[in-house]
Structure formats: C-alpha cells, structure tokens
Amino acid sequence: MSKGLDGFLDRVDKRSSATRTYQGDKAIERVGVNLDTNINFRVNSALKDEFDHLCKLNHTSMAREIKKFMTEAIRLQRLI
C-alpha cells in the first residue's frame, strides 16, 4: 500500500472509532442503571470455575466482570 493510502485509512479508522464511541456513549445513556432482568446461560464447568477463581483473585465477582464486558462492548460498539 502506498504511504498516502495508509494515512487515509488511518484517518478513516480513527473517525470510525470516534463515531462508534459516540454512538456507544449514547447507547450507554439509554441503558441506564436499573438491574431489571436476568441472564441464564450454560457454560463448561471448568471454564466457570477458572473464571470464578480469577475473579476472586482480583477481588471481584463473575457478575460484575460480565457486566463490565457488556458495558464496554456497548460503549465501543464492537465485541472485545
């Protein structure tokens, strides 16, 4: 790729990222803080145990970390 095209693509990517972040911030505002529903899903027991252990080592809970993941994904408007 030419240097000019690289620079252009970098600028487009930065604008896209800024737009996604703005849209994500607006989405977070719409979400609010009410905890009004539950999510119940199945995972491998070893995966759950390892994640629970990691959370405990970091003085947090699995629920808190999953909510942080979801919030950050919404804010960035992409899966992380």
Protein backbone atom coordinates (compact mmCIF):
# COMPACT_ATOMS: atom_id res chain seq x y z
CA MET A 1 0.00 0.00 0.00
CA SER A 2 1.15 3.49 -0.69
CA LYS A 3 2.02 5.84 2.15
CA GLY A 4 -0.84 8.18 1.17
CA LEU A 5 -3.36 5.37 1.26
CA ASP A 6 -2.07 4.19 4.65
CA GLY A 7 -2.52 7.69 6.06
CA PHE A 8 -6.00 7.94 4.61
CA LEU A 9 -7.01 4.57 6.04
CA ASP A 10 -5.64 5.56 9.46
CA ARG A 11 -7.74 8.75 9.41
CA VAL A 12 -10.86 6.85 8.34
CA ASP A 13 -10.29 4.26 11.07
CA LYS A 14 -9.88 6.99 13.72
CA ARG A 15 -13.09 8.71 12.56
CA SER A 16 -14.95 5.40 12.54
CA SER A 17 -13.68 4.66 16.02
CA ALA A 18 -14.73 8.10 17.27
CA THR A 19 -18.18 7.68 15.70
CA ARG A 20 -18.59 4.23 17.25
CA THR A 21 -17.51 5.58 20.64
CA TYR A 22 -20.02 8.45 20.39
CA GLN A 23 -22.81 6.03 19.39
CA GLY A 24 -21.74 3.72 22.19
CA ASP A 25 -21.84 6.53 24.75
CA LYS A 26 -25.37 7.37 23.61
CA ALA A 27 -26.33 3.69 23.87
CA ILE A 28 -24.94 3.53 27.41
CA GLU A 29 -27.06 6.57 28.33
CA ARG A 30 -30.16 4.74 27.05
CA VAL A 31 -29.30 1.62 29.05
CA GLY A 32 -29.42 3.33 32.43
CA VAL A 33 -28.62 1.65 35.73
CA ASN A 34 -31.72 -0.42 36.52
CA LEU A 35 -30.99 -4.11 37.00
CA ASP A 36 -34.35 -5.35 35.77
CA THR A 37 -33.65 -8.72 34.14
CA ASN A 38 -31.59 -11.90 34.46
CA ILE A 39 -29.41 -13.80 32.03
CA ASN A 40 -29.17 -17.53 32.47
CA PHE A 41 -26.81 -19.48 30.20
CA ARG A 42 -24.83 -22.68 30.25
CA VAL A 43 -21.03 -22.84 30.18
CA ASN A 44 -18.42 -25.52 30.68
CA SER A 45 -17.95 -26.15 34.42
CA ALA A 46 -14.15 -25.89 34.18
CA LEU A 47 -14.45 -22.54 32.36
CA LYS A 48 -16.79 -21.26 35.07
CA ASP A 49 -14.51 -22.48 37.86
CA GLU A 50 -11.41 -20.89 36.32
CA PHE A 51 -13.21 -17.59 35.72
CA ASP A 52 -14.61 -17.61 39.26
CA HIS A 53 -11.11 -18.25 40.63
CA LEU A 54 -9.66 -15.41 38.53
CA CYS A 55 -12.39 -13.05 39.72
CA LYS A 56 -11.77 -13.97 43.36
CA LEU A 57 -8.03 -13.37 42.94
CA ASN A 58 -8.92 -9.87 41.72
CA HIS A 59 -11.48 -9.24 44.49
CA THR A 60 -14.44 -9.04 42.13
CA SER A 61 -17.36 -11.21 41.09
CA MET A 62 -18.20 -13.03 37.88
CA ALA A 63 -21.40 -10.99 37.52
CA ARG A 64 -19.54 -7.69 37.88
CA GLU A 65 -16.94 -8.67 35.28
CA ILE A 66 -19.53 -9.90 32.78
CA LYS A 67 -21.48 -6.64 33.20
CA LYS A 68 -18.24 -4.66 32.68
CA PHE A 69 -17.58 -6.64 29.49
CA MET A 70 -21.08 -5.95 28.20
CA THR A 71 -20.91 -2.25 29.06
CA GLU A 72 -17.53 -1.81 27.37
CA ALA A 73 -18.71 -3.68 24.25
CA ILE A 74 -21.75 -1.37 24.01
CA ARG A 75 -19.60 1.73 24.60
CA LEU A 76 -17.12 0.71 21.88
CA GLN A 77 -19.88 -0.62 19.60
CA ARG A 78 -17.89 -3.78 18.94
CA LEU A 79 -17.17 -7.07 20.62
CA ILE A 80 -13.93 -7.10 22.52
